[in-house]
Protein backbone atom coordinates (compact mmCIF):
# COMPACT_ATOMS: atom_id res chain seq x y z
CA MET A 1 0.10 0.15 -0.27
CA LYS A 2 1.24 3.63 -1.08
CA LYS A 3 0.16 6.96 0.68
CA ILE A 4 0.77 9.69 -1.57
CA ILE A 5 2.87 12.70 0.44
CA ASN A 6 2.27 16.31 -1.04
CA THR A 7 2.60 19.51 1.18
CA LYS A 8 2.20 23.32 -0.18
CA ASN A 9 5.41 24.18 1.82
CA ALA A 10 7.45 22.57 -0.99
CA PRO A 11 7.07 23.15 -4.77
CA ALA A 12 4.26 21.35 -6.74
CA PRO A 13 5.48 18.89 -8.94
CA ILE A 14 6.14 19.86 -12.57
CA GLY A 15 5.07 16.42 -14.40
CA PRO A 16 3.28 13.48 -13.64
CA TYR A 17 4.48 12.62 -10.29
CA ASN A 18 3.95 13.22 -6.55
CA GLN A 19 6.51 14.93 -3.90
CA ALA A 20 6.88 11.84 -2.22
CA ILE A 21 5.25 8.26 -1.56
CA LEU A 22 5.27 6.88 1.50
CA SER A 23 5.20 2.68 1.42
CA ASN A 24 5.44 0.24 4.40
CA GLY A 25 7.20 3.24 6.45
CA THR A 26 9.68 4.08 3.49
CA LEU A 27 9.44 7.50 2.16
CA TYR A 28 10.65 8.13 -1.40
CA ILE A 29 11.04 11.97 -2.08
CA SER A 30 11.08 13.02 -5.68
CA GLY A 31 14.28 15.02 -6.75
CA GLN A 32 13.81 18.72 -5.45
CA ILE A 33 15.19 21.61 -7.22
CA PRO A 34 15.55 25.52 -5.74
CA ILE A 35 11.89 26.65 -6.29
CA ASN A 36 10.74 28.87 -3.42
CA PRO A 37 7.17 27.42 -3.00
CA THR A 38 5.82 30.23 -1.55
CA THR A 39 6.61 32.70 -4.67
CA GLY A 40 7.19 30.12 -7.32
CA GLU A 41 10.49 31.76 -7.77
CA LEU A 42 13.51 29.87 -9.17
CA ILE A 43 16.53 30.51 -6.90
CA SER A 44 19.70 30.52 -9.34
CA GLY A 45 23.26 32.07 -9.41
CA ASP A 46 24.35 31.39 -5.92
CA ILE A 47 25.12 27.41 -5.53
CA LYS A 48 24.80 27.69 -1.74
CA LYS A 49 21.37 29.25 -1.92
CA GLU A 50 20.01 26.75 -4.37
CA THR A 51 21.14 23.83 -2.39
CA GLU A 52 19.57 25.38 0.73
CA GLN A 53 16.24 25.79 -1.19
CA SER A 54 16.30 22.39 -2.49
CA MET A 55 17.08 20.72 1.24
CA GLU A 56 14.27 23.25 2.66
CA ASN A 57 11.86 21.63 -0.02
CA LEU A 58 13.18 18.31 1.03
CA LYS A 59 12.62 19.05 5.10
CA ALA A 60 9.01 20.32 4.35
CA ILE A 61 8.15 17.06 2.60
CA LEU A 62 9.70 14.98 5.64
CA THR A 63 8.01 17.26 8.05
CA GLU A 64 4.59 16.56 5.98
CA ALA A 65 5.33 12.83 6.29
CA LYS A 66 6.17 13.20 10.32
CA MET A 67 9.89 12.63 9.80
CA THR A 68 13.27 14.44 10.00
CA PHE A 69 16.55 14.37 8.21
CA GLU A 70 17.43 11.97 10.92
CA HIS A 71 15.29 9.37 9.18
CA VAL A 72 17.13 9.67 5.90
CA VAL A 73 18.94 6.52 4.83
CA LYS A 74 20.06 7.31 1.20
CA SER A 75 20.54 10.65 -0.57
CA SER A 76 21.01 11.27 -4.39
CA ILE A 77 22.79 14.56 -5.41
CA PHE A 78 22.81 15.64 -9.00
CA LEU A 79 24.83 18.84 -10.35
CA SER A 80 25.30 20.22 -13.63
CA ASP A 81 29.11 21.09 -12.53
CA MET A 82 30.89 18.88 -10.17
CA ASN A 83 33.22 22.00 -9.44
CA GLN A 84 30.34 23.25 -7.25
CA PHE A 85 30.69 20.00 -5.07
CA ALA A 86 32.37 21.64 -1.97
CA GLN A 87 29.82 24.31 -1.63
CA VAL A 88 26.97 22.11 -2.31
CA ASN A 89 28.44 19.62 0.39
CA GLU A 90 29.16 22.16 2.91
CA VAL A 91 25.26 23.78 2.62
CA TYR A 92 24.06 19.74 2.50
CA GLY A 93 25.93 18.45 5.36
CA SER A 94 24.79 21.51 7.84
CA TYR A 95 21.47 19.39 7.67
CA PHE A 96 22.98 16.19 9.02
CA ASN A 97 24.66 14.93 12.12
CA SER A 98 27.98 13.55 10.40
CA GLU A 99 27.92 10.73 12.65
CA THR A 100 24.45 9.12 11.51
CA ALA A 101 24.40 10.75 7.84
CA PRO A 102 23.08 8.79 5.08
CA ALA A 103 24.39 6.82 2.37
CA ARG A 104 24.87 9.12 -0.71
CA GLU A 105 26.06 9.39 -4.14
CA THR A 106 26.54 12.80 -6.23
CA VAL A 107 26.63 12.87 -9.79
CA GLU A 108 27.22 15.35 -12.68
CA VAL A 109 24.60 15.39 -15.13
CA ALA A 110 24.37 17.38 -18.57
CA ASN A 111 21.08 18.91 -17.45
CA LEU A 112 18.49 19.23 -14.74
CA PRO A 113 14.77 20.05 -14.74
CA LYS A 114 14.41 23.98 -15.54
CA PHE A 115 18.12 23.97 -16.15
CA VAL A 116 18.75 24.20 -12.45
CA ASN A 117 22.52 23.51 -11.19
CA VAL A 118 21.16 21.23 -8.07
CA GLU A 119 18.60 18.26 -7.86
CA ILE A 120 18.44 16.42 -4.51
CA ALA A 121 16.20 13.16 -4.07
CA MET A 122 16.19 11.21 -0.91
CA ILE A 123 14.78 7.96 0.82
CA ALA A 124 13.67 7.89 4.54
CA VAL A 125 12.67 5.05 6.65
CA LYS A 126 10.82 5.41 9.93
């Protein structure tokens, strides 16, 4: 059985998908890009601010599912430029306790939705 998780505190999906799906205690969160859910504005020009907005969107979805970043077991980070890894990693790392941080991969890709510089997806377990 699956439960659809959606919140107005994160950007609405821009395609045929949901923000997250909860199934058997596991939350699968769709990739989040740096869109401010209140204004609909795309955050760009500063990779740290872009990463922070993506993480805040993820946080809103976790909160809607009654979870926190402590429940995250896997993250996937997609970057348009691996040279921005250190800045992204700095912001991303501020949301986790380094001793209990989730597994993760970070990959550089040719393009992302709306041609953003960062997209982050997560899996969390309660």
